[in-house]
């Protein structure tokens, strides 16, 4: 299955890593509807960025999960190949 890294360029004002954890949990709760697997995420609170690693049939499926789960759609999504 294709692997994507999505990038959120700016956290909403006042959002913290704990808020991102809650949003990620919402992704996990509905991802199965779209054949998606949000594998991991990283938060850069200082610069207000979030990075999500996701297996999905296509980029749009990954976007649908974020949109439905919490509305925080990524600014960029890149298809990536995992290294060793």
Protein backbone atom coordinates (compact mmCIF):
# COMPACT_ATOMS: atom_id res chain seq x y z
CA UNK A 1 0.00 0.00 0.00
CA UNK A 2 1.32 3.50 -0.73
CA UNK A 3 2.90 5.44 2.13
CA UNK A 4 2.38 9.18 2.60
CA UNK A 5 3.80 11.89 4.83
CA UNK A 6 1.42 14.74 5.41
CA UNK A 7 2.52 18.09 6.74
CA UNK A 8 0.44 20.56 8.69
CA UNK A 9 2.26 23.90 8.43
CA UNK A 10 0.57 25.62 11.34
CA UNK A 11 -1.17 24.30 14.42
CA UNK A 12 -4.35 26.17 15.34
CA UNK A 13 -3.67 28.95 17.87
CA UNK A 14 -3.20 27.53 21.34
CA UNK A 15 -3.02 23.89 20.20
CA UNK A 16 -0.53 21.62 21.97
CA UNK A 17 0.99 18.20 21.47
CA UNK A 18 -1.79 16.85 23.70
CA UNK A 19 -4.38 18.29 21.33
CA UNK A 20 -2.63 16.61 18.40
CA UNK A 21 -2.70 13.31 20.32
CA UNK A 22 -6.48 13.66 20.62
CA UNK A 23 -6.83 14.41 16.91
CA UNK A 24 -4.67 11.37 16.10
CA UNK A 25 -6.91 9.19 18.26
CA UNK A 26 -9.90 10.42 16.26
CA UNK A 27 -8.08 9.43 13.06
CA UNK A 28 -7.51 5.93 14.44
CA UNK A 29 -11.18 5.54 15.30
CA UNK A 30 -12.40 6.06 11.72
CA UNK A 31 -9.43 5.18 9.50
CA UNK A 32 -10.72 1.65 8.83
CA UNK A 33 -13.70 3.04 6.91
CA UNK A 34 -11.29 4.26 4.25
CA UNK A 35 -8.67 1.48 4.26
CA UNK A 36 -6.16 3.85 5.88
CA UNK A 37 -3.57 3.25 8.61
CA UNK A 38 -2.19 6.33 10.36
CA UNK A 39 1.08 4.83 11.59
CA UNK A 40 2.71 7.65 13.52
CA UNK A 41 2.93 11.40 13.90
CA UNK A 42 5.40 14.00 15.11
CA UNK A 43 4.75 17.44 16.59
CA UNK A 44 7.04 20.48 16.46
CA UNK A 45 5.31 22.75 18.98
CA UNK A 46 7.95 25.49 18.65
CA UNK A 47 7.31 25.92 14.92
CA UNK A 48 3.66 24.81 15.03
CA UNK A 49 4.09 21.90 12.61
CA UNK A 50 2.72 18.35 12.59
CA UNK A 51 3.88 15.45 10.41
CA UNK A 52 1.79 12.30 9.94
CA UNK A 53 2.92 9.02 8.41
CA UNK A 54 0.04 7.14 6.84
CA UNK A 55 -0.58 4.09 4.67
CA UNK A 56 -3.49 4.75 2.35
CA UNK A 57 -4.84 3.59 -1.00
CA UNK A 58 -4.28 7.16 -2.23
CA UNK A 59 -3.68 10.65 -0.86
CA UNK A 60 -7.38 11.55 -0.99
CA UNK A 61 -8.28 8.69 1.36
CA UNK A 62 -5.79 10.01 3.92
CA UNK A 63 -7.25 13.52 3.55
CA UNK A 64 -10.80 12.18 4.02
CA UNK A 65 -9.86 10.64 7.37
CA UNK A 66 -8.42 13.91 8.71
CA UNK A 67 -11.37 15.91 7.36
CA UNK A 68 -13.97 13.62 8.93
CA UNK A 69 -12.12 12.91 12.19
CA UNK A 70 -11.29 16.49 13.21
CA UNK A 71 -11.24 18.84 10.22
CA UNK A 72 -7.50 19.55 10.39
CA UNK A 73 -6.50 18.77 6.81
CA UNK A 74 -2.79 18.76 5.96
CA UNK A 75 -1.28 21.58 3.91
CA UNK A 76 0.91 19.16 1.96
CA UNK A 77 0.93 15.41 1.37
CA UNK A 78 3.81 13.53 -0.19
CA UNK A 79 4.05 9.93 -1.30
CA UNK A 80 7.21 8.53 0.31
CA UNK A 81 9.22 5.32 0.36
CA UNK A 82 10.34 4.06 3.75
CA UNK A 83 14.08 3.57 4.20
CA UNK A 84 15.88 1.14 6.46
